[in-house]
Protein backbone atom coordinates (compact mmCIF):
# COMPACT_ATOMS: atom_id res chain seq x y z
CA MET A 1 0.00 0.00 0.00
CA ILE A 2 1.19 3.44 -0.90
CA GLN A 3 1.20 5.90 1.95
CA VAL A 4 0.67 9.55 1.35
CA PHE A 5 1.67 12.03 3.95
CA PRO A 6 -0.67 14.92 4.53
CA ASP A 7 1.97 17.56 3.81
CA GLN A 8 3.31 15.82 0.64
CA PRO A 9 1.28 16.16 -2.65
CA PRO A 10 0.47 12.81 -4.38
CA ARG A 11 2.68 11.77 -7.25
CA ARG A 12 1.50 11.90 -10.87
CA LEU A 13 1.27 8.09 -11.16
CA VAL A 14 -0.84 8.01 -8.07
CA ARG A 15 -3.16 10.62 -9.45
CA LEU A 16 -3.41 8.70 -12.76
CA TRP A 17 -4.23 5.47 -10.87
CA TRP A 18 -6.91 7.19 -8.89
CA LEU A 19 -8.39 8.49 -12.19
CA ILE A 20 -8.43 4.99 -13.77
CA ARG A 21 -9.63 3.31 -10.58
CA ASP A 22 -12.41 5.77 -9.94
CA GLY A 23 -13.32 6.15 -13.71
CA MET A 24 -13.46 2.50 -14.76
CA PRO A 25 -16.94 1.93 -16.04
CA SER A 26 -19.03 -1.09 -15.66
CA LEU A 27 -19.15 -3.92 -18.20
CA GLY A 28 -22.52 -2.71 -19.52
CA ARG A 29 -20.99 0.59 -20.46
CA TYR A 30 -18.44 -1.16 -22.70
CA ARG A 31 -21.25 -3.00 -24.41
CA ARG A 32 -23.22 0.16 -25.05
CA TYR A 33 -20.26 2.02 -26.51
CA ALA A 34 -19.35 -0.93 -28.72
CA MET A 35 -22.91 -1.16 -30.04
CA VAL A 36 -22.76 2.49 -31.04
CA VAL A 37 -19.17 2.82 -32.31
CA LEU A 38 -18.97 -0.35 -34.43
CA PRO A 39 -22.07 0.32 -36.58
CA SER A 40 -20.84 3.87 -37.19
CA LEU A 41 -17.46 2.69 -38.36
CA ILE A 42 -19.01 -0.05 -40.48
CA GLY A 43 -21.37 2.50 -42.07
CA VAL A 44 -18.50 4.83 -42.93
CA TRP A 45 -16.48 2.11 -44.65
CA LEU A 46 -19.54 0.77 -46.41
CA VAL A 47 -20.07 4.24 -47.88
CA VAL A 48 -16.42 4.34 -48.94
CA ALA A 49 -16.70 0.90 -50.53
CA ALA A 50 -19.96 1.81 -52.26
CA TYR A 51 -18.33 5.00 -53.63
CA LEU A 52 -15.38 3.05 -54.98
CA LEU A 53 -17.57 0.33 -56.45
CA PHE A 54 -20.57 2.16 -57.82
CA ALA A 55 -19.51 5.82 -58.43
CA PRO A 56 -19.45 6.59 -62.20
CA THR A 57 -16.03 6.96 -63.75
CA SER A 58 -15.14 10.53 -64.72
CA TYR A 59 -12.19 11.96 -66.66
CA THR A 60 -11.00 15.57 -66.45
CA SER A 61 -9.39 17.45 -69.33
CA ASN A 62 -7.37 20.61 -68.61
CA MET A 63 -6.29 23.59 -70.67
CA THR A 64 -4.66 26.96 -69.96
CA LEU A 65 -5.44 30.30 -71.60
CA ILE A 66 -3.17 33.34 -71.49
CA LEU A 67 -3.87 37.02 -72.06
CA PRO A 68 -0.92 39.11 -73.35
CA GLY A 69 -0.61 42.19 -71.17
CA SER A 70 0.96 44.79 -73.47
CA GLY A 71 -0.93 47.49 -75.34
CA ALA A 72 -0.49 48.65 -78.93
CA GLY A 73 -0.30 51.99 -80.67
CA GLY A 74 0.05 53.57 -84.09
CA SER A 75 0.12 56.93 -85.84
CA ILE A 76 -0.52 58.12 -89.41
CA ASN A 77 0.64 61.47 -90.78
CA LEU A 78 -1.02 62.75 -93.95
CA GLU A 79 1.00 65.60 -95.45
CA SER A 80 -0.92 68.88 -95.74
CA ILE A 81 -4.09 67.10 -94.55
CA GLY A 82 -3.90 65.93 -90.98
CA GLN A 83 -2.82 63.31 -88.52
CA ALA A 84 -4.47 60.27 -86.99
CA SER A 85 -3.21 58.22 -84.11
CA ALA A 86 -4.51 55.22 -82.22
CA GLN A 87 -3.36 54.03 -78.81
CA THR A 88 -4.58 50.90 -77.05
CA ASN A 89 -3.75 50.71 -73.37
CA SER A 90 -2.92 47.44 -71.71
CA ALA A 91 -5.95 45.43 -70.67
CA PHE A 92 -4.47 45.22 -67.18
CA ALA A 93 -3.79 48.94 -66.79
CA SER A 94 -7.01 49.53 -64.82
CA SER A 95 -7.12 48.55 -61.18
CA THR A 96 -10.91 48.25 -61.18
CA LEU A 97 -11.38 46.03 -64.24
CA SER A 98 -9.90 42.59 -64.80
CA PRO A 99 -10.12 40.98 -68.23
CA THR A 100 -9.45 37.56 -66.69
CA GLU A 101 -12.55 37.92 -64.51
CA ASN A 102 -14.56 39.00 -67.56
CA TYR A 103 -13.33 36.01 -69.55
CA LYS A 104 -14.05 33.69 -66.63
CA ARG A 105 -17.64 34.88 -66.60
CA LEU A 106 -17.84 34.48 -70.37
CA LEU A 107 -16.54 30.90 -70.10
CA MET A 108 -19.29 30.13 -67.56
CA ALA A 109 -22.06 31.91 -69.48
CA ASP A 110 -25.04 29.84 -70.65
CA VAL A 111 -24.66 31.08 -74.23
CA THR A 112 -21.08 29.77 -74.30
CA LEU A 113 -22.00 26.39 -72.76
CA LYS A 114 -25.02 26.02 -75.07
CA ARG A 115 -22.89 26.79 -78.13
CA ALA A 116 -20.28 24.32 -76.83
CA ALA A 117 -22.94 21.59 -76.52
CA GLN A 118 -23.92 22.19 -80.14
CA ILE A 119 -20.30 22.02 -81.25
CA ALA A 120 -19.77 18.80 -79.28
CA GLU A 121 -23.05 17.43 -80.73
CA GLU A 122 -24.54 16.77 -77.30
CA GLY A 123 -27.90 18.44 -77.86
CA ASP A 124 -29.18 21.93 -77.16
CA ASP A 125 -28.88 21.78 -73.37
CA PRO A 126 -25.85 23.64 -72.00
CA LEU A 127 -22.85 21.63 -70.88
CA SER A 128 -21.97 21.46 -67.23
CA THR A 129 -20.10 24.49 -65.92
CA PRO A 130 -16.33 24.00 -66.25
CA ALA A 131 -14.01 24.46 -63.31
CA ILE A 132 -12.11 27.72 -63.78
CA ARG A 133 -9.15 28.90 -61.74
CA LEU A 134 -7.38 32.24 -62.12
CA VAL A 135 -3.69 31.91 -61.35
CA ASP A 136 -2.64 34.68 -58.97
CA GLN A 137 -0.12 37.28 -60.16
CA THR A 138 -0.40 36.01 -63.76
CA ASN A 139 -2.61 36.42 -66.81
CA LEU A 140 -3.38 32.70 -66.90
CA ILE A 141 -6.81 31.08 -66.83
CA ALA A 142 -6.87 27.35 -65.99
CA VAL A 143 -9.99 25.56 -67.24
CA SER A 144 -11.05 21.98 -66.45
CA MET A 145 -13.92 19.95 -67.91
CA SER A 146 -15.16 16.47 -66.94
CA GLY A 147 -16.58 13.70 -69.07
CA PRO A 148 -17.47 10.00 -68.85
CA THR A 149 -14.55 9.14 -71.13
CA ALA A 150 -11.18 10.71 -71.76
CA GLN A 151 -12.03 11.53 -75.37
CA GLN A 152 -15.38 13.06 -74.43
CA ALA A 153 -13.82 15.18 -71.72
CA GLN A 154 -11.25 16.48 -74.20
CA ALA A 155 -13.94 17.05 -76.85
CA ARG A 156 -16.13 18.96 -74.38
CA LEU A 157 -13.27 21.22 -73.31
CA GLU A 158 -12.27 21.83 -76.93
CA ALA A 159 -15.91 22.70 -77.69
CA VAL A 160 -15.92 25.13 -74.76
CA ARG A 161 -12.71 26.73 -76.08
CA GLU A 162 -14.13 27.09 -79.60
CA ALA A 163 -17.42 28.46 -78.29
CA PHE A 164 -15.54 30.91 -76.06
CA LEU A 165 -13.34 32.15 -78.92
CA LYS A 166 -16.38 32.35 -81.22
CA GLY A 167 -18.20 34.39 -78.60
CA LEU A 168 -15.23 36.78 -78.36
CA GLU A 169 -15.16 37.09 -82.14
CA ASN A 170 -18.88 37.90 -82.22
CA LEU A 171 -18.46 40.51 -79.51
CA ARG A 172 -15.57 42.14 -81.36
CA GLU A 173 -17.49 42.15 -84.64
CA ASP A 174 -20.56 43.61 -82.97
CA GLU A 175 -18.46 46.32 -81.29
CA ALA A 176 -16.67 47.09 -84.56
CA ALA A 177 -19.97 47.28 -86.46
CA LYS A 178 -21.52 49.64 -83.92
CA ARG A 179 -18.41 51.81 -83.76
CA GLU A 180 -18.21 51.90 -87.55
CA ALA A 181 -21.88 52.89 -87.80
CA ALA A 182 -21.31 55.72 -85.32
CA ASP A 183 -18.10 56.76 -87.10
CA ARG A 184 -19.82 56.74 -90.49
CA ASP A 185 -22.57 59.00 -89.16
CA GLN A 186 -19.90 61.36 -87.90
CA ILE A 187 -17.98 61.14 -91.18
CA ALA A 188 -21.15 61.88 -93.15
CA GLU A 189 -21.68 64.99 -91.03
CA LEU A 190 -18.05 66.04 -91.52
CA GLU A 191 -18.38 65.44 -95.26
CA ARG A 192 -21.43 67.71 -95.38
CA LYS A 193 -19.40 70.42 -93.63
CA VAL A 194 -16.58 70.02 -96.17
CA GLN A 195 -19.07 70.34 -99.04
CA GLN A 196 -20.64 73.42 -97.47
CA THR A 197 -17.29 75.17 -96.98
CA GLN A 198 -16.23 74.23 -100.51
CA ARG A 199 -19.47 75.53 -102.01
CA ARG A 200 -19.14 78.85 -100.15
CA LEU A 201 -15.53 79.13 -101.28
CA LEU A 202 -16.34 78.47 -104.95
CA GLU A 203 -19.26 80.90 -104.90
CA PHE A 204 -17.03 83.60 -103.41
CA GLN A 205 -14.29 82.94 -105.99
CA GLY A 206 -16.82 83.08 -108.82
CA ASP A 207 -18.38 86.34 -107.59
CA THR A 208 -15.16 88.21 -106.86
CA GLY A 209 -12.73 86.63 -109.34
CA LEU A 210 -10.25 86.25 -106.48
CA ALA A 211 -9.29 82.59 -106.48
CA THR A 212 -6.22 82.46 -104.24
CA LEU A 213 -4.31 84.63 -101.82
CA ASP A 214 -1.39 84.49 -104.25
CA GLN A 215 -3.58 86.29 -106.72
CA PHE A 216 -4.22 88.98 -104.09
CA ASN A 217 -0.49 89.26 -103.46
CA GLN A 218 0.12 89.56 -107.19
CA ARG A 219 -2.36 92.43 -107.42
CA ILE A 220 -0.72 94.18 -104.50
CA ASN A 221 2.65 93.61 -106.13
CA VAL A 222 1.26 95.14 -109.33
CA LEU A 223 0.37 98.29 -107.38
CA ASP A 224 3.85 98.38 -105.87
CA GLY A 225 5.30 97.90 -109.36
CA LEU A 226 3.20 100.78 -110.66
CA HIS A 227 4.55 103.06 -107.93
CA ALA A 228 8.09 102.05 -108.82
CA LYS A 229 7.35 102.60 -112.52
CA GLN A 230 5.85 105.97 -111.68
CA ARG A 231 9.07 107.04 -110.00
CA ASP A 232 11.17 105.83 -112.93
CA THR A 233 8.92 107.46 -115.52
CA ARG A 234 8.92 110.74 -113.63
CA SER A 235 12.71 110.62 -113.53
CA ASP A 236 12.84 109.98 -117.29
CA LEU A 237 10.40 112.81 -117.92
CA GLU A 238 12.43 115.30 -115.91
CA ARG A 239 15.62 114.19 -117.65
CA GLU A 240 14.14 114.58 -121.16
CA ARG A 241 12.56 117.89 -120.27
CA ALA A 242 15.85 119.21 -118.96
CA ALA A 243 17.67 118.05 -122.09
CA ALA A 244 15.04 119.63 -124.37
CA SER A 245 15.08 122.86 -122.40
CA ARG A 246 18.87 123.06 -122.57
CA LEU A 247 18.96 122.49 -126.33
CA ALA A 248 16.11 124.95 -126.92
CA ALA A 249 17.99 127.62 -124.96
CA SER A 250 21.18 126.93 -126.89
CA LEU A 251 19.49 127.04 -130.31
CA ARG A 252 17.09 129.85 -129.34
CA VAL A 253 14.19 127.90 -130.83
CA THR A 254 11.27 126.01 -129.42
CA PRO A 255 10.91 122.26 -129.89
CA GLU A 256 8.01 122.95 -132.25
CA GLU A 257 10.17 125.19 -134.39
CA ALA A 258 12.94 122.61 -134.37
CA GLY A 259 10.50 120.01 -135.57
CA ARG A 260 9.41 122.23 -138.46
CA ALA A 261 13.02 122.87 -139.27
CA MET A 262 13.58 119.17 -139.54
CA VAL A 263 10.62 119.02 -141.93
CA LEU A 264 12.34 121.59 -144.08
CA LYS A 265 15.57 119.67 -143.75
CA ALA A 266 13.89 116.58 -145.08
CA ASP A 267 12.27 118.33 -148.10
CA PRO A 268 14.57 118.09 -151.20
CA ILE A 269 12.96 121.04 -153.02
CA PHE A 270 13.39 123.36 -150.08
CA GLN A 271 16.91 122.12 -149.58
CA SER A 272 17.67 122.70 -153.27
CA LEU A 273 16.30 126.23 -153.10
CA LEU A 274 18.15 126.79 -149.87
CA ALA A 275 21.43 125.56 -151.39
CA ARG A 276 21.01 127.76 -154.45
CA TYR A 277 20.03 130.68 -152.21
CA ALA A 278 23.14 130.13 -150.12
CA ALA A 279 25.37 129.97 -153.21
CA ILE A 280 23.81 133.17 -154.71
CA SER A 281 24.17 134.86 -151.34
CA VAL A 282 27.88 134.05 -151.31
CA ASN A 283 28.37 135.32 -154.87
CA HIS A 284 26.33 138.44 -154.11
CA THR A 285 28.47 139.20 -151.11
CA GLU A 286 31.70 138.73 -153.02
CA SER A 287 30.52 140.75 -156.03
CA SER A 288 29.26 143.58 -153.86
CA ALA A 289 32.64 143.80 -152.20
CA THR A 290 34.54 144.13 -155.52
CA LEU A 291 32.12 145.61 -158.06
CA GLY A 292 29.92 147.89 -156.05
CA ALA A 293 26.28 147.82 -155.23
CA ARG A 294 25.16 149.32 -158.62
CA HIS A 295 27.08 147.02 -160.84
CA MET A 296 25.05 145.01 -163.34
CA THR A 297 26.31 141.69 -162.02
CA VAL A 298 25.48 142.65 -158.47
CA ALA A 299 22.03 143.75 -159.54
CA GLU A 300 21.43 140.45 -161.32
CA LEU A 301 22.63 138.48 -158.30
CA ASP A 302 20.44 140.59 -156.08
CA ALA A 303 17.38 139.93 -158.25
CA GLU A 304 18.13 136.22 -158.39
CA GLN A 305 18.64 136.18 -154.61
CA ASN A 306 15.29 137.83 -154.00
CA SER A 307 13.59 135.39 -156.35
CA LEU A 308 15.12 132.38 -154.61
CA ARG A 309 14.21 133.83 -151.20
CA ALA A 310 10.64 134.24 -152.28
CA SER A 311 10.50 130.71 -153.69
CA MET A 312 12.08 129.31 -150.56
CA VAL A 313 9.63 131.20 -148.31
CA ARG A 314 6.65 129.98 -150.30
CA ARG A 315 7.89 126.41 -150.18
CA GLY A 316 8.63 126.63 -146.46
CA GLN A 317 5.28 128.16 -145.65
CA ALA A 318 3.58 125.44 -147.62
CA LEU A 319 5.40 122.83 -145.58
CA THR A 320 5.37 124.34 -142.10
CA GLY A 321 3.19 127.44 -142.07
CA LEU A 322 6.02 129.47 -140.55
CA GLY A 323 6.61 133.13 -141.27
CA ALA A 324 9.22 134.36 -143.70
CA LYS A 325 11.51 135.65 -140.98
CA THR A 326 11.50 132.32 -139.14
CA LEU A 327 12.10 130.40 -142.31
CA LEU A 328 15.08 132.52 -143.16
CA ASN A 329 16.53 131.80 -139.72
CA PHE A 330 16.75 128.07 -140.73
CA ALA A 331 18.88 128.83 -143.78
CA ASP A 332 22.02 127.61 -142.01
CA LEU A 333 20.68 124.01 -141.82
CA SER A 334 22.20 123.18 -145.15
CA VAL A 335 25.63 124.52 -144.28
CA SER A 336 25.97 123.37 -140.59
CA GLU A 337 25.60 119.66 -139.92
CA GLY A 338 26.35 120.17 -136.22
CA ARG A 339 23.45 122.55 -135.82
CA ALA A 340 21.23 120.13 -137.72
CA ARG A 341 22.15 117.34 -135.33
CA MET A 342 21.33 119.63 -132.40
CA PHE A 343 17.93 120.26 -133.95
CA GLU A 344 17.45 116.51 -134.25
CA SER A 345 18.47 116.04 -130.64
CA LEU A 346 16.02 118.73 -129.56
CA VAL A 347 13.20 117.07 -131.47
CA ALA A 348 14.13 113.65 -130.08
CA ALA A 349 14.30 115.00 -126.51
CA ASP A 350 10.95 116.68 -126.92
CA SER A 351 9.42 113.50 -128.30
CA ALA A 352 10.88 111.44 -125.45
CA SER A 353 9.57 114.00 -122.99
CA ALA A 354 6.12 113.78 -124.50
CA GLY A 355 6.28 109.98 -124.39
CA ALA A 356 7.38 109.99 -120.76
CA ALA A 357 4.60 112.41 -119.91
CA GLY A 358 2.06 110.14 -121.56
CA ALA A 359 3.45 107.09 -119.81
CA LEU A 360 3.40 108.93 -116.49
CA ALA A 361 -0.20 109.96 -117.02
CA GLU A 362 -1.16 106.35 -117.79
CA VAL A 363 0.72 105.08 -114.74
CA ASP A 364 -1.00 107.70 -112.57
CA ARG A 365 -4.35 106.58 -113.95
CA GLN A 366 -3.59 102.93 -113.23
CA ILE A 367 -2.37 103.75 -109.72
CA SER A 368 -5.54 105.69 -109.04
CA HIS A 369 -7.62 102.78 -110.32
CA GLN A 370 -5.67 100.16 -108.39
CA THR A 371 -5.78 102.26 -105.22
CA LYS A 372 -9.55 102.51 -105.43
CA GLU A 373 -9.77 98.74 -105.82
CA ALA A 374 -7.22 98.02 -103.08
CA HIS A 375 -9.63 98.56 -100.18
CA GLU A 376 -12.23 96.26 -101.68
CA LEU A 377 -9.49 93.79 -102.58
CA VAL A 378 -8.25 93.70 -98.98
CA ARG A 379 -11.77 92.99 -97.74
CA GLN A 380 -12.16 90.22 -100.31
CA ALA A 381 -8.77 88.75 -99.42
CA SER A 382 -9.72 88.69 -95.73
CA ALA A 383 -12.99 86.93 -96.53
CA LEU A 384 -11.15 84.50 -98.84
CA ALA A 385 -8.61 83.70 -96.11
CA ASP A 386 -11.44 82.90 -93.69
CA LEU A 387 -13.16 80.66 -96.23
CA LEU A 388 -9.90 78.89 -97.11
CA ARG A 389 -9.13 78.33 -93.43
CA ASP A 390 -12.61 76.95 -92.75
CA HIS A 391 -12.33 74.65 -95.77
CA ARG A 392 -8.87 73.41 -94.82
CA VAL A 393 -9.92 72.79 -91.22
CA ALA A 394 -12.99 70.90 -92.39
CA GLU A 395 -10.87 68.85 -94.80
CA ALA A 396 -8.27 68.12 -92.10
CA VAL A 397 -10.92 66.99 -89.61
CA PHE A 398 -12.62 64.88 -92.27
CA SER A 399 -9.36 63.27 -93.41
CA SER A 400 -8.28 62.64 -89.81
CA ALA A 401 -11.64 61.01 -89.09
CA LEU A 402 -11.22 58.71 -92.10
CA ALA A 403 -7.70 57.81 -91.03
CA ARG A 404 -8.87 57.26 -87.44
CA LEU A 405 -11.61 54.94 -88.72
CA ASP A 406 -8.98 52.83 -90.49
CA THR A 407 -6.64 52.80 -87.49
CA ASN A 408 -9.47 51.75 -85.19
CA LYS A 409 -10.16 48.80 -87.48
CA SER A 410 -6.50 47.82 -87.30
CA ASP A 411 -6.76 46.87 -83.60
CA PRO A 412 -9.76 44.60 -82.89
CA PHE A 413 -8.50 43.80 -79.38
CA ALA A 414 -9.05 47.25 -77.85
CA SER A 415 -12.08 46.29 -75.73
CA TYR A 416 -11.69 42.51 -75.74
CA PRO A 417 -7.98 41.68 -75.30
CA LEU A 418 -6.26 38.99 -77.27
CA VAL A 419 -6.42 35.53 -75.70
CA GLN A 420 -4.13 32.64 -76.64
CA THR A 421 -4.21 28.96 -75.80
CA LEU A 422 -1.13 28.19 -73.76
CA GLU A 423 -2.08 24.52 -73.26
CA GLN A 424 -4.47 22.72 -75.55
CA PRO A 425 -7.24 20.57 -73.97
CA SER A 426 -5.44 17.52 -72.64
CA LEU A 427 -6.39 13.88 -73.12
CA PRO A 428 -6.55 12.42 -69.55
CA LYS A 429 -4.67 9.18 -69.06
CA LYS A 430 -6.54 8.04 -65.94
CA PRO A 431 -9.90 8.81 -64.40
CA SER A 432 -10.15 11.67 -61.98
CA SER A 433 -13.18 10.15 -60.19
CA PRO A 434 -13.65 7.96 -58.21
CA SER A 435 -10.32 8.40 -56.43
CA ALA A 436 -9.39 5.46 -54.17
CA LEU A 437 -6.78 7.54 -52.34
CA LEU A 438 -9.23 10.31 -51.54
CA ALA A 439 -11.95 7.82 -50.52
CA ILE A 440 -9.63 5.91 -48.14
CA ALA A 441 -8.25 9.16 -46.74
CA GLY A 442 -11.80 10.36 -46.14
CA GLY A 443 -12.76 7.04 -44.49
CA VAL A 444 -9.69 7.13 -42.22
CA ALA A 445 -10.32 10.74 -41.25
CA THR A 446 -14.00 9.99 -40.48
CA THR A 447 -13.00 6.93 -38.41
CA LEU A 448 -10.58 9.00 -36.36
CA PHE A 449 -13.20 11.69 -35.74
CA ILE A 450 -15.74 9.07 -34.58
CA ILE A 451 -13.23 7.42 -32.24
CA MET A 452 -12.11 10.77 -30.82
CA GLY A 453 -15.72 11.78 -30.24
CA PHE A 454 -16.62 8.65 -28.37
CA ALA A 455 -13.34 8.81 -26.42
CA LEU A 456 -14.34 12.23 -25.16
CA LEU A 457 -17.71 10.84 -24.16
CA TRP A 458 -15.94 7.95 -22.37
CA VAL A 459 -13.86 10.16 -20.08
CA ARG A 460 -16.39 12.88 -19.50
CA GLN A 461 -17.35 11.87 -15.93
CA PRO A 462 -13.84 11.98 -14.39
CA ILE A 463 -13.23 15.29 -16.13
CA ILE A 464 -16.49 16.68 -14.85
CA ARG A 465 -15.66 15.45 -11.28
CA LYS A 466 -12.31 17.12 -11.44
CA ILE A 467 -13.81 20.36 -12.63
CA LEU A 468 -16.79 20.25 -10.26
CA PRO A 469 -15.75 18.31 -7.09
CA LYS A 470 -18.38 17.54 -4.47
CA GLY A 471 -18.51 20.17 -1.70
């Protein structure tokens, strides 16, 4: 017998013995527990055996889809027309939208599963929902599909993939068609604006005759050229007038008289009379100096001189209408070629002066006319510039819209990103269900839970006595 002193606490083995001794149940309790535990365990393993024996065989096919994460962009420059650019952001750029979640929902949609059933030739009822798993921190979508045979499971998953891709294609086509319809409405409106601006421009050009701003600049340059020509012509006029005035002062004749003298110079009869008159005058002078004024020879020469003078005056008056005194002043034309050339120069200078004066008058008239038109021309040029600008802007917007329509068509993955098949639907080599390992593991786990539960029921009374001792 083990003795326990009052001041010494009982050992652990002693306390364990007391627990077993005081907690040992009666034989009837063992029988009751056995009648409850054994049927439960038998039922669990019967269920496991029934699952392994009678559960239908199922195969699972797997595939993996991937979504590229980069965006795309492009730009088109049309010289003298406009520019169009298109930029597609990455599908994963937004923190609030996930294309993988959208595609997961599309894979599980009834329309996709119904189309997949039709592709797999399994009727019009939708296929069972595939198991979909989104791989964290990646753009991968793992899809699994079950079937009674390996080939059927693979065929079902392939049908789901085709139906999914067909659905994406339909969505992209529908989006493109709606966008194109909206763009074409906008382009039609822009085209109407271009036609309106062009019509206003053509009407203005037809009414005013001002077709381009270069034409306006040419007209302004014409006015500037007229001013320059006016200055040059005025300089020429002053030069010719000064030359004519100088010659007239030197010759002591007017330009009109010089011109008449040149007429006389050009007449052979007058020149013949003038030559004979000059010769008689020389003989008369010589004879008068030697013979005397009353000598017969001098008298004859004097009579002949008077006759020639009268004939010369009549001929000169007939040609020029000048008086006798003036005509006699031109008698030296036949004997002095230098003086004749000065008369010619005077006539030429006077003619050039008259020509310059006429040219200056015409230039002044043109300047006056162009100046009057300049104000109206400036107003027309301003209106033309506005119309040209409006037309060019309308054309640029229209051309950019056309180019943008083409660039939008070049990227069909803007709203629905590109998806690629990383792993094709696999052909399973062994069934995925029923799984003997999982069934046995489940049976073992259930057996342990049952035993642990009844064990806790077995030792409940000693535990309760320890917690609540009698007072």
